[in-house]
């Protein structure tokens, strides 16, 4: 924890050395989003029967 007397706040770090790089999270989110879009658009819908509902449900 670092306290600076000239300001009204204190800062603390949870790591030593260089700050960690979290850019890989953006790549994972992008890949998951693309896969979800591809799966959602590639699903085939069952063919519709003429007249809407099947005869046994009328």
Protein backbone atom coordinates (compact mmCIF):
# COMPACT_ATOMS: atom_id res chain seq x y z
CA UNK A 1 0.00 0.00 0.00
CA UNK A 2 1.29 3.41 -0.92
CA UNK A 3 0.08 6.56 0.83
CA UNK A 4 0.86 9.91 -0.74
CA UNK A 5 0.68 12.79 1.72
CA UNK A 6 -0.10 15.37 -0.98
CA UNK A 7 -3.38 13.73 -2.01
CA UNK A 8 -6.45 12.42 -0.24
CA UNK A 9 -6.25 8.82 -1.46
CA UNK A 10 -4.13 5.71 -1.10
CA UNK A 11 -3.26 3.17 -3.78
CA UNK A 12 -2.56 -0.52 -3.41
CA UNK A 13 -1.30 -3.12 -5.86
CA UNK A 14 -1.93 -6.86 -5.78
CA UNK A 15 1.16 -7.83 -7.76
CA UNK A 16 4.88 -7.23 -7.74
CA UNK A 17 6.77 -6.02 -10.78
CA UNK A 18 5.03 -5.37 -14.08
CA UNK A 19 1.23 -5.18 -14.17
CA UNK A 20 -0.36 -8.34 -15.61
CA UNK A 21 -1.58 -8.37 -19.20
CA UNK A 22 -5.25 -9.30 -19.53
CA UNK A 23 -5.58 -8.81 -23.30
CA UNK A 24 -6.16 -12.56 -23.77
CA UNK A 25 -9.60 -12.17 -22.16
CA UNK A 26 -10.76 -10.03 -25.09
CA UNK A 27 -9.66 -12.75 -27.54
CA UNK A 28 -11.52 -15.44 -25.60
CA UNK A 29 -14.69 -13.32 -25.49
CA UNK A 30 -14.43 -12.63 -29.24
CA UNK A 31 -14.00 -16.32 -30.09
CA UNK A 32 -16.94 -17.33 -27.89
CA UNK A 33 -19.14 -14.65 -29.47
CA UNK A 34 -18.23 -15.77 -33.01
CA UNK A 35 -18.92 -19.42 -32.15
CA UNK A 36 -22.29 -18.51 -30.63
CA UNK A 37 -23.27 -16.50 -33.72
CA UNK A 38 -22.23 -19.32 -36.07
CA UNK A 39 -24.17 -21.91 -34.06
CA UNK A 40 -27.26 -19.68 -33.85
CA UNK A 41 -27.30 -18.99 -37.59
CA UNK A 42 -26.52 -22.54 -38.68
CA UNK A 43 -29.36 -24.24 -36.80
CA UNK A 44 -31.89 -25.64 -39.21
CA UNK A 45 -35.52 -25.15 -38.44
CA UNK A 46 -37.89 -28.08 -38.94
CA UNK A 47 -39.92 -27.77 -42.12
CA UNK A 48 -43.30 -26.15 -41.71
CA UNK A 49 -46.31 -28.17 -42.71
CA UNK A 50 -48.70 -26.49 -45.13
CA UNK A 51 -51.49 -24.96 -43.14
CA UNK A 52 -49.41 -24.39 -40.01
CA UNK A 53 -50.31 -27.06 -37.46
CA UNK A 54 -50.19 -30.80 -38.08
CA UNK A 55 -53.52 -32.57 -38.62
CA UNK A 56 -53.30 -34.52 -35.37
CA UNK A 57 -53.15 -31.22 -33.41
CA UNK A 58 -56.17 -29.63 -35.14
